[in-house]
Full PDB file with SEQRES, HELIX, SHEET, SSBOND, CRYST1, ORIGX, SCALE, CONECT and MASTER records, all heavy atoms in Angstrom:
SEQRES   1 A   39  HIS ARG ASP GLN SER ALA SER ALA THR TYR TYR PHE ARG          
SEQRES   2 A   39  GLU LYS SER PRO PRO HIS ARG CYS ASP ASP GLY SER GLU          
SEQRES   3 A   39  ALA LEU GLU GLU VAL TRP LEU TYR ASN ARG ILE LEU LYS          
HELIX    1 AA1 PRO A   17  HIS A   19  5                                   3    
SHEET    1 AA1 2 ALA A   8  GLU A  14  0                                        
SHEET    2 AA1 2 LEU A  28  TYR A  34 -1                                        
CRYST1    1.000    1.000    1.000  90.00  90.00  90.00 P 1           1          
ORIGX1      1.000000  0.000000  0.000000        0.00000                         
ORIGX2      0.000000  1.000000  0.000000        0.00000                         
ORIGX3      0.000000  0.000000  1.000000        0.00000                         
SCALE1      1.000000  0.000000  0.000000        0.00000                         
SCALE2      0.000000  1.000000  0.000000        0.00000                         
SCALE3      0.000000  0.000000  1.000000        0.00000                         
ATOM      1  N   HIS A   1      67.357  70.970 132.468  1.00  0.00           N  
ATOM      2  CA  HIS A   1      66.303  71.032 133.407  1.00  0.00           C  
ATOM      3  C   HIS A   1      65.338  69.822 133.288  1.00  0.00           C  
ATOM      4  O   HIS A   1      64.978  69.515 132.108  1.00  0.00           O  
ATOM      5  CB  HIS A   1      65.441  72.363 133.393  1.00  0.00           C  
ATOM      6  CG  HIS A   1      66.388  73.549 133.853  1.00  0.00           C  
ATOM      7  ND1 HIS A   1      66.713  73.670 135.120  1.00  0.00           N  
ATOM      8  CD2 HIS A   1      66.749  74.528 133.208  1.00  0.00           C  
ATOM      9  CE1 HIS A   1      67.555  74.784 135.127  1.00  0.00           C  
ATOM     10  NE2 HIS A   1      67.483  75.471 134.102  1.00  0.00           N  
ATOM     11  N   ARG A   2      64.935  69.307 134.356  1.00  0.00           N  
ATOM     12  CA  ARG A   2      63.985  68.137 134.369  1.00  0.00           C  
ATOM     13  C   ARG A   2      62.609  68.459 134.872  1.00  0.00           C  
ATOM     14  O   ARG A   2      61.859  67.640 135.561  1.00  0.00           O  
ATOM     15  CB  ARG A   2      64.586  67.050 135.199  1.00  0.00           C  
ATOM     16  CG  ARG A   2      65.799  66.430 134.497  1.00  0.00           C  
ATOM     17  CD  ARG A   2      66.591  65.558 135.402  1.00  0.00           C  
ATOM     18  NE  ARG A   2      67.546  64.658 134.703  1.00  0.00           N  
ATOM     19  CZ  ARG A   2      68.432  63.950 135.319  1.00  0.00           C  
ATOM     20  NH1 ARG A   2      68.581  64.039 136.576  1.00  0.00           N  
ATOM     21  NH2 ARG A   2      69.226  63.251 134.570  1.00  0.00           N  
ATOM     22  N   ASP A   3      62.196  69.791 134.683  1.00  0.00           N  
ATOM     23  CA  ASP A   3      60.931  70.294 135.157  1.00  0.00           C  
ATOM     24  C   ASP A   3      59.787  70.059 134.149  1.00  0.00           C  
ATOM     25  O   ASP A   3      58.783  70.681 134.265  1.00  0.00           O  
ATOM     26  CB  ASP A   3      61.100  71.674 135.598  1.00  0.00           C  
ATOM     27  CG  ASP A   3      61.352  72.604 134.431  1.00  0.00           C  
ATOM     28  OD1 ASP A   3      62.175  72.129 133.616  1.00  0.00           O  
ATOM     29  OD2 ASP A   3      61.133  73.744 134.601  1.00  0.00           O  
ATOM     30  N   GLN A   4      60.065  69.438 133.067  1.00  0.00           N  
ATOM     31  CA  GLN A   4      59.214  69.372 131.907  1.00  0.00           C  
ATOM     32  C   GLN A   4      59.128  70.666 131.199  1.00  0.00           C  
ATOM     33  O   GLN A   4      58.059  70.788 130.388  1.00  0.00           O  
ATOM     34  CB  GLN A   4      57.850  68.761 132.249  1.00  0.00           C  
ATOM     35  CG  GLN A   4      57.916  67.177 132.724  1.00  0.00           C  
ATOM     36  CD  GLN A   4      56.546  66.771 132.957  1.00  0.00           C  
ATOM     37  OE1 GLN A   4      55.918  67.099 134.088  1.00  0.00           O  
ATOM     38  NE2 GLN A   4      55.996  66.098 132.030  1.00  0.00           N  
ATOM     39  N   SER A   5      60.164  71.473 131.222  1.00  0.00           N  
ATOM     40  CA  SER A   5      60.303  72.575 130.321  1.00  0.00           C  
ATOM     41  C   SER A   5      61.210  72.453 129.204  1.00  0.00           C  
ATOM     42  O   SER A   5      61.212  73.290 128.260  1.00  0.00           O  
ATOM     43  CB  SER A   5      60.625  73.897 131.253  1.00  0.00           C  
ATOM     44  OG  SER A   5      61.915  73.777 131.715  1.00  0.00           O  
ATOM     45  N   ALA A   6      62.189  71.456 129.388  1.00  0.00           N  
ATOM     46  CA  ALA A   6      63.015  71.089 128.314  1.00  0.00           C  
ATOM     47  C   ALA A   6      62.154  70.403 127.246  1.00  0.00           C  
ATOM     48  O   ALA A   6      61.227  69.723 127.553  1.00  0.00           O  
ATOM     49  CB  ALA A   6      64.113  70.276 128.846  1.00  0.00           C  
ATOM     50  N   SER A   7      62.592  70.439 126.029  1.00  0.00           N  
ATOM     51  CA  SER A   7      61.820  69.709 124.971  1.00  0.00           C  
ATOM     52  C   SER A   7      62.105  68.151 125.095  1.00  0.00           C  
ATOM     53  O   SER A   7      61.124  67.440 125.057  1.00  0.00           O  
ATOM     54  CB  SER A   7      62.285  70.116 123.574  1.00  0.00           C  
ATOM     55  OG  SER A   7      63.690  69.856 123.330  1.00  0.00           O  
ATOM     56  N   ALA A   8      63.184  67.984 125.610  1.00  0.00           N  
ATOM     57  CA  ALA A   8      63.447  66.508 126.175  1.00  0.00           C  
ATOM     58  C   ALA A   8      64.626  66.468 126.993  1.00  0.00           C  
ATOM     59  O   ALA A   8      65.602  67.220 126.985  1.00  0.00           O  
ATOM     60  CB  ALA A   8      63.777  65.622 124.846  1.00  0.00           C  
ATOM     61  N   THR A   9      64.649  65.431 127.935  1.00  0.00           N  
ATOM     62  CA  THR A   9      65.801  65.110 128.755  1.00  0.00           C  
ATOM     63  C   THR A   9      65.547  63.715 129.268  1.00  0.00           C  
ATOM     64  O   THR A   9      64.480  63.099 128.914  1.00  0.00           O  
ATOM     65  CB  THR A   9      65.852  66.098 129.878  1.00  0.00           C  
ATOM     66  OG1 THR A   9      67.244  65.698 130.551  1.00  0.00           O  
ATOM     67  CG2 THR A   9      64.655  65.968 130.917  1.00  0.00           C  
ATOM     68  N   TYR A  10      66.439  63.146 129.801  1.00  0.00           N  
ATOM     69  CA  TYR A  10      66.430  61.831 130.402  1.00  0.00           C  
ATOM     70  C   TYR A  10      67.206  61.520 131.664  1.00  0.00           C  
ATOM     71  O   TYR A  10      68.044  62.377 132.064  1.00  0.00           O  
ATOM     72  CB  TYR A  10      66.845  60.923 129.293  1.00  0.00           C  
ATOM     73  CG  TYR A  10      68.373  60.921 129.030  1.00  0.00           C  
ATOM     74  CD1 TYR A  10      69.282  59.882 129.462  1.00  0.00           C  
ATOM     75  CD2 TYR A  10      68.952  61.869 128.145  1.00  0.00           C  
ATOM     76  CE1 TYR A  10      70.681  60.005 129.222  1.00  0.00           C  
ATOM     77  CE2 TYR A  10      70.350  62.055 127.875  1.00  0.00           C  
ATOM     78  CZ  TYR A  10      71.088  61.015 128.335  1.00  0.00           C  
ATOM     79  OH  TYR A  10      72.546  61.169 128.241  1.00  0.00           O  
ATOM     80  N   TYR A  11      66.827  60.409 132.255  1.00  0.00           N  
ATOM     81  CA  TYR A  11      67.531  59.936 133.402  1.00  0.00           C  
ATOM     82  C   TYR A  11      67.485  58.346 133.276  1.00  0.00           C  
ATOM     83  O   TYR A  11      67.217  57.858 132.118  1.00  0.00           O  
ATOM     84  CB  TYR A  11      66.896  60.433 134.688  1.00  0.00           C  
ATOM     85  CG  TYR A  11      65.480  60.090 134.975  1.00  0.00           C  
ATOM     86  CD1 TYR A  11      65.093  59.007 135.586  1.00  0.00           C  
ATOM     87  CD2 TYR A  11      64.473  60.823 134.370  1.00  0.00           C  
ATOM     88  CE1 TYR A  11      63.736  58.567 135.760  1.00  0.00           C  
ATOM     89  CE2 TYR A  11      63.178  60.518 134.441  1.00  0.00           C  
ATOM     90  CZ  TYR A  11      62.745  59.342 135.161  1.00  0.00           C  
ATOM     91  OH  TYR A  11      61.365  59.107 135.398  1.00  0.00           O  
ATOM     92  N   PHE A  12      67.979  57.725 134.265  1.00  0.00           N  
ATOM     93  CA  PHE A  12      68.056  56.262 134.210  1.00  0.00           C  
ATOM     94  C   PHE A  12      67.187  55.604 135.402  1.00  0.00           C  
ATOM     95  O   PHE A  12      67.093  56.229 136.403  1.00  0.00           O  
ATOM     96  CB  PHE A  12      69.454  55.683 134.283  1.00  0.00           C  
ATOM     97  CG  PHE A  12      70.316  56.095 133.093  1.00  0.00           C  
ATOM     98  CD1 PHE A  12      71.030  57.352 133.126  1.00  0.00           C  
ATOM     99  CD2 PHE A  12      70.370  55.269 131.984  1.00  0.00           C  
ATOM    100  CE1 PHE A  12      71.809  57.688 132.001  1.00  0.00           C  
ATOM    101  CE2 PHE A  12      71.093  55.616 130.958  1.00  0.00           C  
ATOM    102  CZ  PHE A  12      71.807  56.776 130.926  1.00  0.00           C  
ATOM    103  N   ARG A  13      66.811  54.426 135.064  1.00  0.00           N  
ATOM    104  CA  ARG A  13      66.118  53.573 136.188  1.00  0.00           C  
ATOM    105  C   ARG A  13      66.736  52.190 136.073  1.00  0.00           C  
ATOM    106  O   ARG A  13      67.219  51.753 134.940  1.00  0.00           O  
ATOM    107  CB  ARG A  13      64.686  53.524 136.185  1.00  0.00           C  
ATOM    108  CG  ARG A  13      64.144  52.880 134.850  1.00  0.00           C  
ATOM    109  CD  ARG A  13      62.744  52.990 134.865  1.00  0.00           C  
ATOM    110  NE  ARG A  13      62.053  52.405 133.584  1.00  0.00           N  
ATOM    111  CZ  ARG A  13      60.854  52.713 133.106  1.00  0.00           C  
ATOM    112  NH1 ARG A  13      60.051  53.619 133.697  1.00  0.00           N  
ATOM    113  NH2 ARG A  13      60.558  52.275 131.950  1.00  0.00           N  
ATOM    114  N   GLU A  14      66.829  51.553 137.132  1.00  0.00           N  
ATOM    115  CA  GLU A  14      67.286  50.101 137.109  1.00  0.00           C  
ATOM    116  C   GLU A  14      66.234  49.224 136.537  1.00  0.00           C  
ATOM    117  O   GLU A  14      65.122  49.346 136.519  1.00  0.00           O  
ATOM    118  CB  GLU A  14      67.417  49.639 138.645  1.00  0.00           C  
ATOM    119  CG  GLU A  14      68.557  50.395 139.235  1.00  0.00           C  
ATOM    120  CD  GLU A  14      68.887  49.897 140.618  1.00  0.00           C  
ATOM    121  OE1 GLU A  14      68.259  48.693 140.911  1.00  0.00           O  
ATOM    122  OE2 GLU A  14      69.483  50.530 141.470  1.00  0.00           O  
ATOM    123  N   LYS A  15      66.838  48.372 135.695  1.00  0.00           N  
ATOM    124  CA  LYS A  15      65.871  47.475 134.985  1.00  0.00           C  
ATOM    125  C   LYS A  15      65.412  46.282 135.917  1.00  0.00           C  
ATOM    126  O   LYS A  15      66.034  46.042 137.017  1.00  0.00           O  
ATOM    127  CB  LYS A  15      66.562  46.644 133.940  1.00  0.00           C  
ATOM    128  CG  LYS A  15      67.008  47.503 132.601  1.00  0.00           C  
ATOM    129  CD  LYS A  15      67.661  46.723 131.612  1.00  0.00           C  
ATOM    130  CE  LYS A  15      68.008  47.667 130.353  1.00  0.00           C  
ATOM    131  NZ  LYS A  15      68.732  46.915 129.355  1.00  0.00           N  
ATOM    132  N   SER A  16      64.222  45.753 135.599  1.00  0.00           N  
ATOM    133  CA  SER A  16      63.753  44.750 136.560  1.00  0.00           C  
ATOM    134  C   SER A  16      64.539  43.532 136.357  1.00  0.00           C  
ATOM    135  O   SER A  16      65.240  43.416 135.432  1.00  0.00           O  
ATOM    136  CB  SER A  16      62.276  44.462 136.163  1.00  0.00           C  
ATOM    137  OG  SER A  16      62.220  44.174 134.733  1.00  0.00           O  
ATOM    138  N   PRO A  17      64.606  42.588 137.381  1.00  0.00           N  
ATOM    139  CA  PRO A  17      65.609  41.490 137.344  1.00  0.00           C  
ATOM    140  C   PRO A  17      65.561  40.715 136.099  1.00  0.00           C  
ATOM    141  O   PRO A  17      66.637  40.306 135.682  1.00  0.00           O  
ATOM    142  CB  PRO A  17      65.076  40.659 138.534  1.00  0.00           C  
ATOM    143  CG  PRO A  17      64.509  41.649 139.523  1.00  0.00           C  
ATOM    144  CD  PRO A  17      63.791  42.709 138.644  1.00  0.00           C  
ATOM    145  N   PRO A  18      64.366  40.376 135.463  1.00  0.00           N  
ATOM    146  CA  PRO A  18      64.348  39.638 134.210  1.00  0.00           C  
ATOM    147  C   PRO A  18      65.185  40.220 133.233  1.00  0.00           C  
ATOM    148  O   PRO A  18      65.736  39.524 132.152  1.00  0.00           O  
ATOM    149  CB  PRO A  18      62.998  39.385 133.853  1.00  0.00           C  
ATOM    150  CG  PRO A  18      62.163  39.689 135.137  1.00  0.00           C  
ATOM    151  CD  PRO A  18      62.960  40.555 135.888  1.00  0.00           C  
ATOM    152  N   HIS A  19      65.365  41.565 133.220  1.00  0.00           N  
ATOM    153  CA  HIS A  19      66.045  42.228 132.141  1.00  0.00           C  
ATOM    154  C   HIS A  19      67.419  42.786 132.474  1.00  0.00           C  
ATOM    155  O   HIS A  19      68.142  43.502 131.662  1.00  0.00           O  
ATOM    156  CB  HIS A  19      65.240  43.446 131.691  1.00  0.00           C  
ATOM    157  CG  HIS A  19      63.850  43.173 131.338  1.00  0.00           C  
ATOM    158  ND1 HIS A  19      63.622  42.581 130.013  1.00  0.00           N  
ATOM    159  CD2 HIS A  19      62.629  43.278 132.000  1.00  0.00           C  
ATOM    160  CE1 HIS A  19      62.279  42.382 130.004  1.00  0.00           C  
ATOM    161  NE2 HIS A  19      61.670  42.809 131.169  1.00  0.00           N  
ATOM    162  N   ARG A  20      68.010  42.257 133.616  1.00  0.00           N  
ATOM    163  CA  ARG A  20      69.298  42.562 134.051  1.00  0.00           C  
ATOM    164  C   ARG A  20      70.327  41.862 133.174  1.00  0.00           C  
ATOM    165  O   ARG A  20      70.078  40.862 132.540  1.00  0.00           O  
ATOM    166  CB  ARG A  20      69.562  42.279 135.444  1.00  0.00           C  
ATOM    167  CG  ARG A  20      68.864  43.388 136.284  1.00  0.00           C  
ATOM    168  CD  ARG A  20      69.141  42.966 137.830  1.00  0.00           C  
ATOM    169  NE  ARG A  20      68.364  43.815 138.813  1.00  0.00           N  
ATOM    170  CZ  ARG A  20      68.957  45.133 139.106  1.00  0.00           C  
ATOM    171  NH1 ARG A  20      70.171  45.472 138.633  1.00  0.00           N  
ATOM    172  NH2 ARG A  20      68.322  45.892 139.947  1.00  0.00           N  
ATOM    173  N   CYS A  21      71.570  42.404 133.196  1.00  0.00           N  
ATOM    174  CA  CYS A  21      72.647  41.803 132.390  1.00  0.00           C  
ATOM    175  C   CYS A  21      73.039  40.523 132.977  1.00  0.00           C  
ATOM    176  O   CYS A  21      72.966  40.262 134.129  1.00  0.00           O  
ATOM    177  CB  CYS A  21      73.755  42.707 132.355  1.00  0.00           C  
ATOM    178  SG  CYS A  21      73.578  44.371 131.533  1.00  0.00           S  
ATOM    179  N   ASP A  22      73.426  39.598 132.048  1.00  0.00           N  
ATOM    180  CA  ASP A  22      73.844  38.153 132.627  1.00  0.00           C  
ATOM    181  C   ASP A  22      75.075  38.216 133.497  1.00  0.00           C  
ATOM    182  O   ASP A  22      74.982  37.237 134.215  1.00  0.00           O  
ATOM    183  CB  ASP A  22      73.976  37.373 131.330  1.00  0.00           C  
ATOM    184  CG  ASP A  22      72.793  37.152 130.440  1.00  0.00           C  
ATOM    185  OD1 ASP A  22      71.688  37.282 131.024  1.00  0.00           O  
ATOM    186  OD2 ASP A  22      72.855  36.725 129.324  1.00  0.00           O  
ATOM    187  N   ASP A  23      75.969  39.212 133.315  1.00  0.00           N  
ATOM    188  CA  ASP A  23      77.135  39.141 134.119  1.00  0.00           C  
ATOM    189  C   ASP A  23      76.726  39.641 135.517  1.00  0.00           C  
ATOM    190  O   ASP A  23      77.802  39.769 136.392  1.00  0.00           O  
ATOM    191  CB  ASP A  23      78.154  39.981 133.365  1.00  0.00           C  
ATOM    192  CG  ASP A  23      77.836  41.341 133.205  1.00  0.00           C  
ATOM    193  OD1 ASP A  23      76.652  41.916 133.691  1.00  0.00           O  
ATOM    194  OD2 ASP A  23      78.558  42.156 132.599  1.00  0.00           O  
ATOM    195  N   GLY A  24      75.586  40.030 135.902  1.00  0.00           N  
ATOM    196  CA  GLY A  24      75.261  40.410 137.235  1.00  0.00           C  
ATOM    197  C   GLY A  24      75.458  42.004 137.557  1.00  0.00           C  
ATOM    198  O   GLY A  24      75.217  42.444 138.607  1.00  0.00           O  
ATOM    199  N   SER A  25      76.000  42.657 136.474  1.00  0.00           N  
ATOM    200  CA  SER A  25      76.282  44.050 136.763  1.00  0.00           C  
ATOM    201  C   SER A  25      74.983  44.806 136.677  1.00  0.00           C  
ATOM    202  O   SER A  25      74.072  44.448 136.108  1.00  0.00           O  
ATOM    203  CB  SER A  25      77.255  44.630 135.583  1.00  0.00           C  
ATOM    204  OG  SER A  25      76.639  44.480 134.326  1.00  0.00           O  
ATOM    205  N   GLU A  26      75.075  46.024 137.296  1.00  0.00           N  
ATOM    206  CA  GLU A  26      73.754  46.806 137.263  1.00  0.00           C  
ATOM    207  C   GLU A  26      73.359  47.195 135.962  1.00  0.00           C  
ATOM    208  O   GLU A  26      74.144  47.643 135.102  1.00  0.00           O  
ATOM    209  CB  GLU A  26      74.081  48.035 138.186  1.00  0.00           C  
ATOM    210  CG  GLU A  26      72.803  48.897 138.316  1.00  0.00           C  
ATOM    211  CD  GLU A  26      72.965  50.133 139.198  1.00  0.00           C  
ATOM    212  OE1 GLU A  26      73.958  50.761 138.937  1.00  0.00           O  
ATOM    213  OE2 GLU A  26      72.182  50.453 140.107  1.00  0.00           O  
ATOM    214  N   ALA A  27      72.050  47.032 135.586  1.00  0.00           N  
ATOM    215  CA  ALA A  27      71.584  47.346 134.339  1.00  0.00           C  
ATOM    216  C   ALA A  27      70.666  48.628 134.363  1.00  0.00           C  
ATOM    217  O   ALA A  27      69.658  48.530 135.164  1.00  0.00           O  
ATOM    218  CB  ALA A  27      70.809  46.141 133.644  1.00  0.00           C  
ATOM    219  N   LEU A  28      70.996  49.605 133.688  1.00  0.00           N  
ATOM    220  CA  LEU A  28      70.111  50.819 133.699  1.00  0.00           C  
ATOM    221  C   LEU A  28      69.525  51.061 132.313  1.00  0.00           C  
ATOM    222  O   LEU A  28      70.154  50.641 131.370  1.00  0.00           O  
ATOM    223  CB  LEU A  28      70.976  52.058 134.122  1.00  0.00           C  
ATOM    224  CG  LEU A  28      71.646  51.964 135.465  1.00  0.00           C  
ATOM    225  CD1 LEU A  28      72.454  53.176 135.668  1.00  0.00           C  
ATOM    226  CD2 LEU A  28      70.626  51.893 136.596  1.00  0.00           C  
ATOM    227  N   GLU A  29      68.315  51.667 132.354  1.00  0.00           N  
ATOM    228  CA  GLU A  29      67.700  51.988 131.073  1.00  0.00           C  
ATOM    229  C   GLU A  29      67.250  53.361 131.079  1.00  0.00           C  
ATOM    230  O   GLU A  29      66.924  53.979 132.166  1.00  0.00           O  
ATOM    231  CB  GLU A  29      66.566  51.064 130.855  1.00  0.00           C  
ATOM    232  CG  GLU A  29      65.437  51.177 131.823  1.00  0.00           C  
ATOM    233  CD  GLU A  29      64.264  50.199 131.605  1.00  0.00           C  
ATOM    234  OE1 GLU A  29      64.252  49.484 130.646  1.00  0.00           O  
ATOM    235  OE2 GLU A  29      63.336  49.952 132.391  1.00  0.00           O  
ATOM    236  N   GLU A  30      67.356  54.102 129.935  1.00  0.00           N  
ATOM    237  CA  GLU A  30      66.968  55.438 129.697  1.00  0.00           C  
ATOM    238  C   GLU A  30      65.485  55.570 130.003  1.00  0.00           C  
ATOM    239  O   GLU A  30      64.670  54.793 129.419  1.00  0.00           O  
ATOM    240  CB  GLU A  30      67.373  56.090 128.417  1.00  0.00           C  
ATOM    241  CG  GLU A  30      68.805  56.027 128.292  1.00  0.00           C  
ATOM    242  CD  GLU A  30      69.339  56.547 126.903  1.00  0.00           C  
ATOM    243  OE1 GLU A  30      68.271  56.815 126.047  1.00  0.00           O  
ATOM    244  OE2 GLU A  30      70.519  56.681 126.452  1.00  0.00           O  
ATOM    245  N   VAL A  31      65.154  56.680 130.752  1.00  0.00           N  
ATOM    246  CA  VAL A  31      63.766  57.148 130.882  1.00  0.00           C  
ATOM    247  C   VAL A  31      63.657  58.612 130.309  1.00  0.00           C  
ATOM    248  O   VAL A  31      64.321  59.507 130.930  1.00  0.00           O  
ATOM    249  CB  VAL A  31      63.330  57.146 132.354  1.00  0.00           C  
ATOM    250  CG1 VAL A  31      61.851  57.552 132.431  1.00  0.00           C  
ATOM    251  CG2 VAL A  31      63.476  55.628 132.872  1.00  0.00           C  
ATOM    252  N   TRP A  32      62.830  58.823 129.220  1.00  0.00           N  
ATOM    253  CA  TRP A  32      62.848  60.123 128.613  1.00  0.00           C  
ATOM    254  C   TRP A  32      61.687  60.882 129.311  1.00  0.00           C  
ATOM    255  O   TRP A  32      60.523  60.398 129.366  1.00  0.00           O  
ATOM    256  CB  TRP A  32      62.794  59.914 127.204  1.00  0.00           C  
ATOM    257  CG  TRP A  32      64.036  59.651 126.689  1.00  0.00           C  
ATOM    258  CD1 TRP A  32      64.661  58.449 126.460  1.00  0.00           C  
ATOM    259  CD2 TRP A  32      65.016  60.636 126.084  1.00  0.00           C  
ATOM    260  NE1 TRP A  32      66.020  58.469 125.994  1.00  0.00           N  
ATOM    261  CE2 TRP A  32      66.203  59.970 125.764  1.00  0.00           C  
ATOM    262  CE3 TRP A  32      65.137  61.915 125.957  1.00  0.00           C  
ATOM    263  CZ2 TRP A  32      67.384  60.462 125.161  1.00  0.00           C  
ATOM    264  CZ3 TRP A  32      66.133  62.537 125.368  1.00  0.00           C  
ATOM    265  CH2 TRP A  32      67.285  61.872 125.076  1.00  0.00           C  
ATOM    266  N   LEU A  33      61.926  62.230 129.362  1.00  0.00           N  
ATOM    267  CA  LEU A  33      60.861  63.105 129.877  1.00  0.00           C  
ATOM    268  C   LEU A  33      60.811  64.302 128.888  1.00  0.00           C  
ATOM    269  O   LEU A  33      61.778  64.911 128.627  1.00  0.00           O  
ATOM    270  CB  LEU A  33      61.443  63.747 131.136  1.00  0.00           C  
ATOM    271  CG  LEU A  33      60.433  64.523 132.117  1.00  0.00           C  
ATOM    272  CD1 LEU A  33      59.254  63.696 132.550  1.00  0.00           C  
ATOM    273  CD2 LEU A  33      61.288  65.162 133.355  1.00  0.00           C  
ATOM    274  N   TYR A  34      59.628  64.571 128.431  1.00  0.00           N  
ATOM    275  CA  TYR A  34      59.321  65.465 127.479  1.00  0.00           C  
ATOM    276  C   TYR A  34      58.589  66.695 127.879  1.00  0.00           C  
ATOM    277  O   TYR A  34      58.108  66.753 128.955  1.00  0.00           O  
ATOM    278  CB  TYR A  34      58.503  64.830 126.246  1.00  0.00           C  
ATOM    279  CG  TYR A  34      59.379  63.620 125.555  1.00  0.00           C  
ATOM    280  CD1 TYR A  34      59.142  62.366 125.828  1.00  0.00           C  
ATOM    281  CD2 TYR A  34      60.469  63.949 124.700  1.00  0.00           C  
ATOM    282  CE1 TYR A  34      59.805  61.299 125.201  1.00  0.00           C  
ATOM    283  CE2 TYR A  34      61.062  62.930 124.115  1.00  0.00           C  
ATOM    284  CZ  TYR A  34      60.825  61.587 124.361  1.00  0.00           C  
ATOM    285  OH  TYR A  34      61.619  60.673 123.702  1.00  0.00           O  
ATOM    286  N   ASN A  35      58.784  67.706 127.110  1.00  0.00           N  
ATOM    287  CA  ASN A  35      58.090  69.037 127.395  1.00  0.00           C  
ATOM    288  C   ASN A  35      56.601  68.875 127.672  1.00  0.00           C  
ATOM    289  O   ASN A  35      55.896  68.235 126.917  1.00  0.00           O  
ATOM    290  CB  ASN A  35      58.317  69.999 126.156  1.00  0.00           C  
ATOM    291  CG  ASN A  35      57.744  71.297 126.513  1.00  0.00           C  
ATOM    292  OD1 ASN A  35      57.470  71.702 127.611  1.00  0.00           O  
ATOM    293  ND2 ASN A  35      57.866  72.223 125.381  1.00  0.00           N  
ATOM    294  N   ARG A  36      56.184  69.622 128.766  1.00  0.00           N  
ATOM    295  CA  ARG A  36      54.750  69.509 129.178  1.00  0.00           C  
ATOM    296  C   ARG A  36      53.986  70.501 128.427  1.00  0.00           C  
ATOM    297  O   ARG A  36      54.337  71.776 128.795  1.00  0.00           O  
ATOM    298  CB  ARG A  36      54.671  69.679 130.598  1.00  0.00           C  
ATOM    299  CG  ARG A  36      53.316  69.576 131.150  1.00  0.00           C  
ATOM    300  CD  ARG A  36      53.149  69.945 132.715  1.00  0.00           C  
ATOM    301  NE  ARG A  36      51.902  69.660 133.322  1.00  0.00           N  
ATOM    302  CZ  ARG A  36      50.754  70.308 133.234  1.00  0.00           C  
ATOM    303  NH1 ARG A  36      50.729  71.432 132.353  1.00  0.00           N  
ATOM    304  NH2 ARG A  36      49.716  70.058 133.907  1.00  0.00           N  
ATOM    305  N   ILE A  37      53.220  70.178 127.427  1.00  0.00           N  
ATOM    306  CA  ILE A  37      52.522  71.056 126.657  1.00  0.00           C  
ATOM    307  C   ILE A  37      51.191  71.456 127.392  1.00  0.00           C  
ATOM    308  O   ILE A  37      50.492  70.522 127.886  1.00  0.00           O  
ATOM    309  CB  ILE A  37      52.159  70.491 125.344  1.00  0.00           C  
ATOM    310  CG1 ILE A  37      53.405  69.957 124.557  1.00  0.00           C  
ATOM    311  CG2 ILE A  37      51.368  71.515 124.454  1.00  0.00           C  
ATOM    312  CD1 ILE A  37      54.387  71.068 124.274  1.00  0.00           C  
ATOM    313  N   LEU A  38      50.847  72.720 127.563  1.00  0.00           N  
ATOM    314  CA  LEU A  38      49.729  73.146 128.244  1.00  0.00           C  
ATOM    315  C   LEU A  38      48.396  72.771 127.597  1.00  0.00           C  
ATOM    316  O   LEU A  38      48.286  72.728 126.285  1.00  0.00           O  
ATOM    317  CB  LEU A  38      49.624  74.657 128.413  1.00  0.00           C  
ATOM    318  CG  LEU A  38      50.831  75.224 129.279  1.00  0.00           C  
ATOM    319  CD1 LEU A  38      50.657  76.757 129.264  1.00  0.00           C  
ATOM    320  CD2 LEU A  38      50.950  74.760 130.533  1.00  0.00           C  
ATOM    321  N   LYS A  39      47.451  72.196 128.329  1.00  0.00           N  
ATOM    322  CA  LYS A  39      46.176  71.850 127.722  1.00  0.00           C  
ATOM    323  C   LYS A  39      45.373  73.042 127.469  1.00  0.00           C  
ATOM    324  O   LYS A  39      45.456  74.100 128.210  1.00  0.00           O  
ATOM    325  CB  LYS A  39      45.474  70.871 128.582  1.00  0.00           C  
ATOM    326  CG  LYS A  39      46.274  69.606 128.816  1.00  0.00           C  
ATOM    327  CD  LYS A  39      45.566  68.726 129.798  1.00  0.00           C  
ATOM    328  CE  LYS A  39      46.314  67.442 130.181  1.00  0.00           C  
ATOM    329  NZ  LYS A  39      45.786  66.619 131.142  1.00  0.00           N  
TER     330      LYS A  39                                                      
MASTER        0    0    0    1    2    0    0    6  329    1    0    3          
END                                                                             
């Protein structure tokens, strides 16, 4: 689950152009989502 009830999970986003692969292929980077602790 990605509702911030998992201790951790992840998805991907596209890297900005300066950080894309030299071969022109799509470059993705992990984005981690952590458990939302109640205040």
